[in-house]
N, C-alpha and C. Protein backbone atom coordinates (compact mmCIF):
# COMPACT_ATOMS: atom_id res chain seq x y z
N MET A 1 9.33 -30.80 14.95
CA MET A 1 9.61 -30.63 13.54
C MET A 1 10.85 -29.75 13.40
N SER A 2 11.75 -30.11 12.49
CA SER A 2 12.97 -29.34 12.33
C SER A 2 12.70 -28.02 11.63
N ASP A 3 13.61 -27.06 11.83
CA ASP A 3 13.46 -25.76 11.18
C ASP A 3 13.45 -25.89 9.68
N ASP A 4 14.24 -26.84 9.13
CA ASP A 4 14.31 -27.02 7.68
C ASP A 4 12.94 -27.42 7.12
N LEU A 5 12.24 -28.32 7.80
CA LEU A 5 10.93 -28.74 7.33
C LEU A 5 9.90 -27.63 7.48
N GLN A 6 10.05 -26.79 8.49
CA GLN A 6 9.11 -25.70 8.69
C GLN A 6 9.26 -24.63 7.62
N THR A 7 10.46 -24.48 7.05
CA THR A 7 10.66 -23.45 6.04
C THR A 7 10.31 -23.94 4.64
N ARG A 8 9.97 -25.19 4.50
CA ARG A 8 9.56 -25.72 3.19
C ARG A 8 8.22 -25.10 2.80
N LEU A 9 8.09 -24.73 1.55
CA LEU A 9 6.88 -24.08 1.08
C LEU A 9 6.12 -25.02 0.15
N LYS A 10 4.81 -25.07 0.34
CA LYS A 10 3.99 -25.91 -0.53
C LYS A 10 3.79 -25.21 -1.87
N ASN A 11 3.91 -25.99 -2.94
CA ASN A 11 3.64 -25.45 -4.26
C ASN A 11 3.24 -26.59 -5.19
N ASN A 12 2.72 -26.21 -6.34
CA ASN A 12 2.27 -27.18 -7.34
C ASN A 12 3.12 -27.13 -8.61
N VAL A 13 4.34 -26.65 -8.49
CA VAL A 13 5.19 -26.46 -9.67
C VAL A 13 5.42 -27.79 -10.38
N ARG A 14 5.78 -28.82 -9.65
CA ARG A 14 6.08 -30.11 -10.30
C ARG A 14 4.84 -30.66 -11.03
N ARG A 15 3.70 -30.63 -10.34
CA ARG A 15 2.48 -31.16 -10.97
C ARG A 15 2.13 -30.38 -12.23
N LEU A 16 2.20 -29.05 -12.15
CA LEU A 16 1.88 -28.22 -13.31
C LEU A 16 2.88 -28.42 -14.44
N ARG A 17 4.16 -28.57 -14.09
CA ARG A 17 5.20 -28.80 -15.11
C ARG A 17 4.95 -30.13 -15.80
N GLU A 18 4.68 -31.17 -15.02
CA GLU A 18 4.44 -32.49 -15.60
C GLU A 18 3.15 -32.53 -16.41
N ASP A 19 2.12 -31.80 -15.97
CA ASP A 19 0.86 -31.72 -16.74
C ASP A 19 1.11 -31.14 -18.12
N ARG A 20 2.11 -30.26 -18.22
CA ARG A 20 2.44 -29.62 -19.50
C ARG A 20 3.53 -30.37 -20.26
N LEU A 21 3.90 -31.55 -19.74
CA LEU A 21 4.92 -32.42 -20.33
C LEU A 21 6.25 -31.69 -20.53
N LEU A 22 6.62 -30.89 -19.54
CA LEU A 22 7.89 -30.16 -19.57
C LEU A 22 8.89 -30.83 -18.64
N THR A 23 10.15 -30.87 -19.07
CA THR A 23 11.20 -31.31 -18.17
C THR A 23 11.61 -30.13 -17.29
N LYS A 24 12.37 -30.43 -16.26
CA LYS A 24 12.88 -29.34 -15.41
C LYS A 24 13.73 -28.38 -16.23
N ALA A 25 14.53 -28.94 -17.13
CA ALA A 25 15.41 -28.11 -17.96
C ALA A 25 14.60 -27.20 -18.88
N GLU A 26 13.51 -27.72 -19.45
CA GLU A 26 12.67 -26.91 -20.33
C GLU A 26 12.00 -25.77 -19.57
N LEU A 27 11.47 -26.08 -18.38
CA LEU A 27 10.84 -25.04 -17.57
C LEU A 27 11.88 -24.01 -17.15
N ALA A 28 13.05 -24.46 -16.75
CA ALA A 28 14.11 -23.55 -16.34
C ALA A 28 14.49 -22.61 -17.49
N ARG A 29 14.61 -23.15 -18.68
CA ARG A 29 14.96 -22.34 -19.86
C ARG A 29 13.87 -21.30 -20.13
N LYS A 30 12.62 -21.73 -20.09
CA LYS A 30 11.51 -20.80 -20.33
C LYS A 30 11.45 -19.70 -19.27
N ALA A 31 11.77 -20.07 -18.02
CA ALA A 31 11.68 -19.12 -16.91
C ALA A 31 12.94 -18.26 -16.78
N GLY A 32 14.01 -18.66 -17.44
CA GLY A 32 15.26 -17.91 -17.31
C GLY A 32 15.94 -18.13 -15.98
N VAL A 33 15.78 -19.33 -15.43
CA VAL A 33 16.44 -19.69 -14.17
C VAL A 33 17.18 -21.01 -14.39
N SER A 34 17.95 -21.42 -13.40
CA SER A 34 18.70 -22.67 -13.54
C SER A 34 17.82 -23.87 -13.24
N THR A 35 18.24 -25.02 -13.74
CA THR A 35 17.54 -26.27 -13.44
C THR A 35 17.60 -26.55 -11.94
N LEU A 36 18.71 -26.20 -11.32
CA LEU A 36 18.84 -26.37 -9.87
C LEU A 36 17.79 -25.54 -9.12
N THR A 37 17.51 -24.35 -9.61
CA THR A 37 16.48 -23.52 -8.99
C THR A 37 15.12 -24.20 -9.07
N ILE A 38 14.78 -24.74 -10.23
CA ILE A 38 13.50 -25.46 -10.38
C ILE A 38 13.46 -26.64 -9.43
N ASP A 39 14.56 -27.38 -9.35
CA ASP A 39 14.63 -28.52 -8.44
C ASP A 39 14.39 -28.10 -7.00
N ARG A 40 15.01 -27.02 -6.59
CA ARG A 40 14.85 -26.54 -5.21
C ARG A 40 13.43 -26.05 -4.95
N VAL A 41 12.85 -25.33 -5.90
CA VAL A 41 11.48 -24.84 -5.73
C VAL A 41 10.52 -26.02 -5.61
N GLU A 42 10.68 -27.00 -6.48
CA GLU A 42 9.80 -28.18 -6.43
C GLU A 42 9.95 -28.94 -5.11
N ALA A 43 11.13 -28.87 -4.52
CA ALA A 43 11.37 -29.54 -3.24
C ALA A 43 10.82 -28.73 -2.06
N GLY A 44 10.32 -27.52 -2.36
CA GLY A 44 9.70 -26.72 -1.32
C GLY A 44 10.62 -25.71 -0.66
N HIS A 45 11.79 -25.50 -1.22
CA HIS A 45 12.69 -24.50 -0.66
C HIS A 45 12.20 -23.10 -1.04
N PRO A 46 12.43 -22.11 -0.21
CA PRO A 46 12.00 -20.75 -0.53
C PRO A 46 12.78 -20.19 -1.72
N CYS A 47 12.15 -19.27 -2.43
CA CYS A 47 12.83 -18.60 -3.54
C CYS A 47 12.38 -17.15 -3.58
N ARG A 48 13.08 -16.37 -4.38
CA ARG A 48 12.75 -14.95 -4.48
C ARG A 48 11.41 -14.77 -5.19
N ILE A 49 10.78 -13.66 -4.93
CA ILE A 49 9.49 -13.33 -5.53
C ILE A 49 9.63 -13.27 -7.05
N ASP A 50 10.72 -12.70 -7.53
CA ASP A 50 10.96 -12.60 -8.96
C ASP A 50 11.03 -13.99 -9.60
N THR A 51 11.62 -14.95 -8.90
CA THR A 51 11.70 -16.32 -9.40
C THR A 51 10.31 -16.93 -9.48
N LYS A 52 9.49 -16.70 -8.46
CA LYS A 52 8.12 -17.21 -8.50
C LYS A 52 7.38 -16.63 -9.71
N ARG A 53 7.52 -15.34 -9.93
CA ARG A 53 6.86 -14.69 -11.07
C ARG A 53 7.31 -15.32 -12.38
N LYS A 54 8.60 -15.54 -12.54
CA LYS A 54 9.14 -16.14 -13.77
C LYS A 54 8.58 -17.54 -13.99
N ILE A 55 8.50 -18.32 -12.93
CA ILE A 55 7.99 -19.69 -13.04
C ILE A 55 6.51 -19.68 -13.42
N ILE A 56 5.73 -18.83 -12.79
CA ILE A 56 4.30 -18.73 -13.10
C ILE A 56 4.11 -18.41 -14.58
N LEU A 57 4.82 -17.42 -15.07
CA LEU A 57 4.69 -17.02 -16.47
C LEU A 57 5.21 -18.11 -17.42
N ALA A 58 6.30 -18.78 -17.05
CA ALA A 58 6.86 -19.85 -17.88
C ALA A 58 5.91 -21.04 -17.98
N LEU A 59 5.07 -21.23 -16.99
CA LEU A 59 4.07 -22.30 -17.02
C LEU A 59 2.86 -21.92 -17.88
N GLY A 60 2.91 -20.71 -18.45
CA GLY A 60 1.81 -20.27 -19.30
C GLY A 60 0.63 -19.75 -18.52
N MET A 61 0.87 -19.38 -17.28
CA MET A 61 -0.19 -18.90 -16.41
C MET A 61 -0.03 -17.40 -16.22
N THR A 62 -1.01 -16.79 -15.61
CA THR A 62 -0.94 -15.36 -15.34
C THR A 62 -0.66 -15.15 -13.85
N ILE A 63 -0.29 -13.95 -13.53
CA ILE A 63 -0.02 -13.62 -12.13
C ILE A 63 -1.28 -13.84 -11.29
N ALA A 64 -2.44 -13.67 -11.87
CA ALA A 64 -3.70 -13.90 -11.15
C ALA A 64 -3.84 -15.37 -10.73
N ASP A 65 -3.11 -16.28 -11.40
CA ASP A 65 -3.16 -17.70 -11.09
C ASP A 65 -2.14 -18.10 -10.02
N LYS A 66 -1.50 -17.14 -9.41
CA LYS A 66 -0.38 -17.41 -8.49
C LYS A 66 -0.74 -18.38 -7.37
N ASP A 67 -1.97 -18.31 -6.86
CA ASP A 67 -2.37 -19.19 -5.76
C ASP A 67 -2.55 -20.63 -6.21
N GLN A 68 -2.67 -20.87 -7.51
CA GLN A 68 -2.73 -22.23 -8.03
C GLN A 68 -1.34 -22.84 -8.11
N VAL A 69 -0.32 -22.00 -8.19
CA VAL A 69 1.06 -22.47 -8.31
C VAL A 69 1.73 -22.54 -6.94
N PHE A 70 1.68 -21.43 -6.21
CA PHE A 70 2.30 -21.34 -4.90
C PHE A 70 1.21 -21.20 -3.85
N VAL A 71 1.11 -22.20 -2.98
CA VAL A 71 0.07 -22.23 -1.97
C VAL A 71 0.29 -21.07 -1.01
N ARG A 72 -0.76 -20.35 -0.77
CA ARG A 72 -0.70 -19.16 0.09
C ARG A 72 -0.35 -19.54 1.52
N ASP A 73 0.60 -18.83 2.09
CA ASP A 73 0.99 -18.99 3.49
C ASP A 73 0.34 -17.86 4.27
N ASP A 74 -0.54 -18.20 5.20
CA ASP A 74 -1.29 -17.18 5.93
C ASP A 74 -0.41 -16.26 6.77
N ASP A 75 0.76 -16.74 7.19
CA ASP A 75 1.64 -15.93 8.03
C ASP A 75 2.42 -14.89 7.23
N LYS A 76 2.59 -15.11 5.95
CA LYS A 76 3.42 -14.23 5.14
C LYS A 76 2.79 -14.12 3.77
N ASP A 77 2.54 -12.93 3.31
CA ASP A 77 1.82 -12.73 2.06
C ASP A 77 2.78 -12.44 0.90
N ASP A 78 3.64 -13.44 0.56
CA ASP A 78 4.55 -13.28 -0.57
C ASP A 78 3.78 -13.18 -1.87
N ASN A 79 2.60 -13.82 -1.95
CA ASN A 79 1.86 -13.80 -3.19
C ASN A 79 1.40 -12.40 -3.56
N ALA A 80 1.10 -11.57 -2.60
CA ALA A 80 0.76 -10.17 -2.89
C ALA A 80 1.99 -9.47 -3.46
N ASP A 81 3.16 -9.82 -2.95
CA ASP A 81 4.40 -9.23 -3.46
C ASP A 81 4.66 -9.66 -4.89
N ILE A 82 4.25 -10.88 -5.27
CA ILE A 82 4.42 -11.34 -6.65
C ILE A 82 3.61 -10.46 -7.59
N THR A 83 2.38 -10.18 -7.22
CA THR A 83 1.52 -9.33 -8.04
C THR A 83 2.14 -7.94 -8.17
N GLU A 84 2.65 -7.41 -7.08
CA GLU A 84 3.29 -6.10 -7.11
C GLU A 84 4.53 -6.13 -7.99
N ALA A 85 5.35 -7.18 -7.87
CA ALA A 85 6.56 -7.30 -8.68
C ALA A 85 6.20 -7.42 -10.16
N ALA A 86 5.11 -8.10 -10.47
CA ALA A 86 4.69 -8.24 -11.86
C ALA A 86 4.30 -6.89 -12.43
N GLY A 87 3.64 -6.07 -11.64
CA GLY A 87 3.27 -4.73 -12.09
C GLY A 87 4.49 -3.90 -12.39
N VAL A 88 5.51 -4.01 -11.57
CA VAL A 88 6.76 -3.30 -11.80
C VAL A 88 7.45 -3.84 -13.03
N ALA A 89 7.42 -5.17 -13.20
CA ALA A 89 8.12 -5.81 -14.30
C ALA A 89 7.55 -5.41 -15.66
N VAL A 90 6.25 -5.17 -15.72
CA VAL A 90 5.64 -4.81 -17.00
C VAL A 90 5.52 -3.30 -17.15
N GLY A 91 6.07 -2.56 -16.19
CA GLY A 91 6.14 -1.12 -16.32
C GLY A 91 4.91 -0.36 -15.89
N ARG A 92 4.04 -1.02 -15.12
CA ARG A 92 2.87 -0.31 -14.62
C ARG A 92 3.29 0.63 -13.52
N THR A 93 2.78 1.83 -13.56
CA THR A 93 3.05 2.78 -12.49
C THR A 93 1.74 3.43 -12.08
N SER A 94 1.77 4.12 -11.01
CA SER A 94 0.55 4.76 -10.53
C SER A 94 0.27 6.05 -11.27
N GLY A 95 1.27 6.55 -12.03
CA GLY A 95 1.09 7.78 -12.75
C GLY A 95 1.27 9.01 -11.87
N LYS A 96 1.78 8.81 -10.67
CA LYS A 96 1.95 9.91 -9.72
C LYS A 96 3.42 10.28 -9.57
N GLY A 97 4.21 9.99 -10.60
CA GLY A 97 5.61 10.35 -10.57
C GLY A 97 6.44 9.49 -9.65
N ASP A 98 6.01 8.20 -9.52
CA ASP A 98 6.76 7.33 -8.63
C ASP A 98 8.01 6.92 -9.34
């Protein structure tokens, strides 16, 4: 198997987008990313954690639903990082002067 195929990530972005009758352009606009980014994510290319968070929220889902959108990879726990990034994005802190 080629390295390119091994780096492809499984996700349900296309199915969820189509279930909501959204075009790639509409999802991209809601998520604040480019249509090309949506196209690449749907094709299984890796993306930044912040991009995953934006797509999840643009689909009308919560961060808790992340495993329904992006299939968990046992070797790398990016989904835990999404939850952490979401906490930072909404201003949650530990209250310990971090």
